Amino acid sequence: MHQAVVKLFYSRAARHLFTNAWYSLLSNLDRDAAIRFLNYGYAPLNGAQVELQAADEPDRYAIQLYHHVASGAAIAGKDVLEVGCGRGGGASYIARYLHPKSYTGLDICKPAIRFNKARYADQDNLAFRVGDALSLPFADENFDVVVNVESAQHYGDMGRFLDEVHRVLRPGGAFLMACFEDRTKEVYPREALAKSRLRLVHEDDITANVARALELDGARRTALADEIVPRVLLGVSHEFAGIPGTQLHASFANGTCPYYSFTCRKD
């Protein structure tokens, strides 16, 4: 049964449907709020680690991906938008540790936004709202920084998303993105950025860092999936989570699915 579900996951139409439904399903299944991050993580290959409070330690690798991406621009005192904020863990981390003036997390998933508003209500510089990445509900030139972590590959039209990012950024503003190639959805972030009005400042191939993070975090990810997800969905949930032994993890480990982080500017 699990093998059949995994094969279904790899059909293009079924994968798109699954991705759109998965986040809502998690919000209903994760009643103890154990999952705050949905990204694949980042492990520095030189062994360096971000200093974290004890409460954040279980999410170390997912936080380190946010830290790596956010390091591309000055965040302190800035108005920041995150498009595709998911379960809000990254938004909470940046708002607490990097001290933006304001941080707005936007996601199309209504259950996720309800979760975030309740979970992070005590953070004064952090707000959440429902919205579409392809039609951002903000005025022109409203933010100093836009963050997008492992989300843009789901949008269906990355060019339109990048146009929206350009529109809401102030002149000189930064766009910080982590995204991997997804050939099943014809997602090629490097090519999309090259066609956009944003100027690429720095590109970093972090494929090996992501693969290593999945290996170091594999036991925790497996335990969470086994605890939360119904047995019939375990195979596809392991695949979606990139747990070692899955095709997705192998594609990062062998380099056939390259993963990048980008720093861009609006001139």
Protein backbone atom coordinates (compact mmCIF):
# COMPACT_ATOMS: atom_id res chain seq x y z
CA MET A 1 0.00 0.00 0.00
CA HIS A 2 2.74 2.47 0.94
CA GLN A 3 4.61 1.90 -2.33
CA ALA A 4 1.44 2.55 -4.30
CA VAL A 5 0.85 5.83 -2.47
CA VAL A 6 4.44 6.95 -3.06
CA LYS A 7 4.06 6.25 -6.79
CA LEU A 8 0.89 8.35 -6.77
CA PHE A 9 2.85 11.14 -5.05
CA TYR A 10 5.24 11.25 -8.00
CA SER A 11 2.54 11.78 -10.62
CA ARG A 12 2.50 15.49 -11.40
CA ALA A 13 -1.22 16.16 -10.93
CA ALA A 14 -1.48 14.05 -7.78
CA ARG A 15 1.58 15.70 -6.25
CA HIS A 16 0.15 19.17 -6.83
CA LEU A 17 -3.14 18.11 -5.23
CA PHE A 18 -1.36 16.48 -2.31
CA THR A 19 0.83 19.51 -1.64
CA ASN A 20 -2.15 21.86 -1.52
CA ALA A 21 -4.04 19.58 0.87
CA TRP A 22 -1.13 18.51 3.06
CA TYR A 23 -0.72 21.70 5.09
CA SER A 24 -4.40 21.85 5.98
CA LEU A 25 -4.31 18.19 6.97
CA LEU A 26 -1.32 18.79 9.25
CA SER A 27 -3.14 21.57 11.05
CA ASN A 28 -5.95 19.15 11.85
CA LEU A 29 -3.70 16.22 12.80
CA ASP A 30 -1.06 18.08 14.83
CA ARG A 31 -3.22 18.82 17.86
CA ASP A 32 -0.26 19.23 20.22
CA ALA A 33 1.41 21.84 17.95
CA ALA A 34 4.54 19.71 17.61
CA ILE A 35 5.24 20.84 14.04
CA ARG A 36 6.22 24.48 13.57
CA PHE A 37 8.48 24.09 10.50
CA LEU A 38 7.91 22.31 7.21
CA ASN A 39 11.23 22.93 5.46
CA TYR A 40 14.05 20.40 4.90
CA GLY A 41 16.64 22.18 7.02
CA TYR A 42 20.26 23.27 6.68
CA ALA A 43 23.41 21.87 8.28
CA PRO A 44 26.68 23.82 7.91
CA LEU A 45 29.26 21.38 6.55
CA ASN A 46 32.00 22.95 8.70
CA GLY A 47 30.16 22.00 11.91
CA ALA A 48 29.28 25.59 12.90
CA GLN A 49 25.94 26.05 14.62
CA VAL A 50 23.54 28.90 15.27
CA GLU A 51 23.17 29.76 18.97
CA LEU A 52 19.64 28.91 20.07
CA GLN A 53 17.54 29.04 23.19
CA ALA A 54 16.77 25.62 24.65
CA ALA A 55 13.13 25.77 23.55
CA ASP A 56 14.21 26.15 19.91
CA GLU A 57 16.78 23.35 19.91
CA PRO A 58 14.45 20.58 18.59
CA ASP A 59 13.94 22.64 15.41
CA ARG A 60 17.64 23.43 14.96
CA TYR A 61 18.05 22.36 11.33
CA ALA A 62 14.89 24.04 10.09
CA ILE A 63 15.87 27.22 11.96
CA GLN A 64 19.35 27.10 10.46
CA LEU A 65 17.82 27.20 6.98
CA TYR A 66 15.95 30.38 7.92
CA HIS A 67 19.10 31.80 9.49
CA HIS A 68 21.14 31.07 6.36
CA VAL A 69 18.56 32.70 4.10
CA ALA A 70 18.01 35.72 6.37
CA SER A 71 21.76 36.33 6.57
CA GLY A 72 21.58 37.73 3.03
CA ALA A 73 20.31 41.11 4.25
CA ALA A 74 20.08 43.32 7.32
CA ILE A 75 16.80 42.55 9.08
CA ALA A 76 16.96 44.63 12.28
CA GLY A 77 14.59 47.60 12.25
CA LYS A 78 13.10 46.66 8.86
CA ASP A 79 9.58 45.89 7.67
CA VAL A 80 9.68 42.25 6.54
CA LEU A 81 7.17 40.10 4.65
CA GLU A 82 7.38 36.32 4.50
CA VAL A 83 5.36 34.75 1.68
CA GLY A 84 4.48 31.14 2.41
CA CYS A 85 5.03 31.25 6.17
CA GLY A 86 3.45 27.84 6.81
CA ARG A 87 3.27 26.96 10.50
CA GLY A 88 5.04 30.18 11.48
CA GLY A 89 8.19 28.79 13.10
CA GLY A 90 10.54 30.67 10.82
CA ALA A 91 8.59 33.89 11.20
CA SER A 92 8.75 33.55 14.97
CA TYR A 93 12.49 32.84 14.89
CA ILE A 94 13.37 35.86 12.73
CA ALA A 95 11.03 38.16 14.68
CA ARG A 96 12.58 37.10 18.02
CA TYR A 97 16.25 36.75 17.11
CA LEU A 98 16.87 39.24 14.28
CA HIS A 99 14.64 42.09 15.57
CA PRO A 100 12.78 43.45 12.55
CA LYS A 101 10.53 46.46 13.12
CA SER A 102 7.63 44.38 11.81
CA TYR A 103 7.31 40.89 10.39
CA THR A 104 4.23 39.82 8.44
CA GLY A 105 3.72 36.15 7.63
CA LEU A 106 1.38 35.39 4.74
CA ASP A 107 0.04 32.02 3.65
CA ILE A 108 -2.86 30.80 1.53
CA CYS A 109 -3.66 28.04 4.05
CA LYS A 110 -6.33 29.35 6.44
CA PRO A 111 -5.83 26.65 9.14
CA ALA A 112 -2.12 27.48 9.24
CA ILE A 113 -2.81 31.18 9.73
CA ARG A 114 -5.32 30.43 12.49
CA PHE A 115 -2.68 28.28 14.17
CA ASN A 116 -0.04 31.00 13.85
CA LYS A 117 -2.24 33.76 15.26
CA ALA A 118 -2.93 31.67 18.35
CA ARG A 119 0.56 30.22 18.76
CA TYR A 120 2.56 33.46 18.42
CA ALA A 121 0.09 35.99 19.83
CA ASP A 122 2.63 37.21 22.40
CA GLN A 123 5.13 38.49 19.81
CA ASP A 124 4.45 42.19 19.33
CA ASN A 125 6.38 42.64 16.08
CA LEU A 126 4.79 39.60 14.39
CA ALA A 127 1.49 39.39 12.46
CA PHE A 128 -0.12 36.88 10.12
CA ARG A 129 -2.71 37.03 7.37
CA VAL A 130 -4.20 34.85 4.65
CA GLY A 131 -3.22 35.74 1.11
CA ASP A 132 -2.20 34.54 -2.34
CA ALA A 133 1.48 34.70 -3.35
CA LEU A 134 0.44 35.53 -6.92
CA SER A 135 -1.66 38.52 -5.84
CA LEU A 136 -0.11 39.91 -2.67
CA PRO A 137 -2.66 41.93 -0.63
CA PHE A 138 -0.30 44.84 0.05
CA ALA A 139 0.33 48.27 -1.39
CA ASP A 140 3.27 48.99 -3.67
CA GLU A 141 6.67 49.52 -1.99
CA ASN A 142 5.46 48.40 1.42
CA PHE A 143 8.38 46.24 2.65
CA ASP A 144 12.14 46.45 3.02
CA VAL A 145 12.65 42.67 2.82
CA VAL A 146 10.64 39.76 1.39
CA VAL A 147 11.47 36.23 2.56
CA ASN A 148 10.43 33.01 0.84
CA VAL A 149 11.64 29.67 2.19
CA GLU A 150 10.88 26.46 0.32
CA SER A 151 7.50 27.67 -0.88
CA ALA A 152 7.76 29.22 -4.35
CA GLN A 153 7.97 25.85 -6.12
CA HIS A 154 4.29 25.30 -5.24
CA TYR A 155 2.89 28.49 -6.80
CA GLY A 156 2.42 27.43 -10.41
CA ASP A 157 3.71 30.72 -11.86
CA MET A 158 7.02 31.79 -10.34
CA GLY A 159 7.38 34.66 -12.79
CA ARG A 160 4.15 36.23 -11.59
CA PHE A 161 5.22 35.74 -7.97
CA LEU A 162 8.53 37.49 -8.60
CA ASP A 163 6.66 40.39 -10.23
CA GLU A 164 4.59 40.70 -7.05
CA VAL A 165 7.73 40.62 -4.90
CA HIS A 166 9.22 43.42 -7.00
CA ARG A 167 6.02 45.44 -6.65
CA VAL A 168 5.79 45.30 -2.83
CA LEU A 169 9.50 45.88 -2.21
CA ARG A 170 10.78 49.38 -1.58
CA PRO A 171 13.65 50.60 -3.80
CA GLY A 172 16.85 48.98 -2.59
CA GLY A 173 14.86 46.27 -0.80
CA ALA A 174 16.01 42.66 -0.58
CA PHE A 175 14.38 39.42 -1.67
CA LEU A 176 15.68 36.34 0.16
CA MET A 177 14.65 32.94 -1.18
CA ALA A 178 15.41 29.25 -0.65
CA CYS A 179 14.08 27.01 -3.41
CA PHE A 180 14.94 23.72 -5.08
CA GLU A 181 14.38 22.66 -8.67
CA ASP A 182 11.24 20.58 -9.18
CA ARG A 183 11.20 19.12 -12.64
CA THR A 184 7.81 17.49 -12.05
CA LYS A 185 6.35 21.00 -11.85
CA GLU A 186 8.84 22.59 -14.28
CA VAL A 187 10.22 24.78 -11.49
CA TYR A 188 13.66 26.24 -12.22
CA PRO A 189 14.31 29.11 -9.78
CA ARG A 190 17.60 30.27 -11.29
CA GLU A 191 16.03 30.72 -14.72
CA ALA A 192 12.96 32.44 -13.26
CA LEU A 193 15.08 34.94 -11.34
CA ALA A 194 17.19 35.66 -14.41
CA LYS A 195 13.99 36.69 -16.26
CA SER A 196 12.66 38.81 -13.39
CA ARG A 197 13.17 42.50 -12.64
CA LEU A 198 15.08 41.63 -9.47
CA ARG A 199 18.89 41.83 -9.51
CA LEU A 200 20.68 38.72 -8.30
CA VAL A 201 23.29 39.63 -5.69
CA HIS A 202 24.31 36.19 -4.46
CA GLU A 203 23.48 32.57 -5.23
CA ASP A 204 24.47 29.65 -3.02
CA ASP A 205 24.10 25.95 -3.88
CA ILE A 206 23.09 24.42 -0.54
CA THR A 207 22.06 20.97 -1.80
CA ALA A 208 24.65 19.14 0.30
CA ASN A 209 23.70 21.16 3.39
CA VAL A 210 20.04 20.22 2.99
CA ALA A 211 20.83 16.54 2.46
CA ARG A 212 23.01 16.52 5.57
CA ALA A 213 20.32 18.22 7.65
CA LEU A 214 17.80 15.57 6.63
CA GLU A 215 20.23 12.85 7.70
CA LEU A 216 20.93 14.46 11.08
CA ASP A 217 17.24 15.15 11.70
CA GLY A 218 15.90 11.90 10.25
CA ALA A 219 15.07 10.14 13.50
CA ARG A 220 13.05 13.10 14.83
CA ARG A 221 11.20 13.52 11.53
CA THR A 222 10.34 9.84 11.41
CA ALA A 223 9.07 9.85 15.00
CA LEU A 224 6.86 12.89 14.34
CA ALA A 225 5.38 11.39 11.19
CA ASP A 226 4.73 8.06 12.88
CA GLU A 227 3.02 9.79 15.80
CA ILE A 228 0.85 12.23 13.87
CA VAL A 229 0.08 10.81 10.42
CA PRO A 230 -2.43 7.98 9.82
CA ARG A 231 -0.76 4.70 8.94
CA VAL A 232 -2.18 4.66 5.41
CA LEU A 233 -0.33 7.93 4.67
CA LEU A 234 3.00 7.08 6.30
CA GLY A 235 4.75 6.19 3.06
CA VAL A 236 3.87 9.44 1.33
CA SER A 237 4.45 11.49 4.50
CA HIS A 238 7.97 10.06 4.85
CA GLU A 239 8.60 10.91 1.19
CA PHE A 240 7.25 14.42 1.59
CA ALA A 241 9.42 14.93 4.68
CA GLY A 242 12.58 13.79 2.86
CA ILE A 243 13.39 11.15 5.47
CA PRO A 244 16.60 9.21 4.63
CA GLY A 245 15.79 6.19 2.50
CA THR A 246 13.20 8.06 0.42
CA GLN A 247 13.59 9.07 -3.21
CA LEU A 248 13.44 12.75 -2.28
CA HIS A 249 16.34 12.53 0.15
CA ALA A 250 18.33 10.52 -2.40
CA SER A 251 17.74 13.24 -5.02
CA PHE A 252 19.31 15.83 -2.71
CA ALA A 253 22.13 13.51 -1.62
CA ASN A 254 23.15 12.63 -5.18
CA GLY A 255 22.67 16.18 -6.48
CA THR A 256 19.97 15.42 -9.04
CA CYS A 257 17.62 17.85 -7.27
CA PRO A 258 19.69 21.02 -6.72
CA TYR A 259 18.68 23.34 -3.90
CA TYR A 260 19.65 27.03 -3.86
CA SER A 261 19.45 30.10 -1.69
CA PHE A 262 19.34 33.54 -3.32
CA THR A 263 19.83 37.15 -2.32
CA CYS A 264 18.30 39.66 -4.74
CA ARG A 265 17.71 43.41 -4.78
CA LYS A 266 15.19 45.79 -6.23
CA ASP A 267 17.17 48.58 -7.89
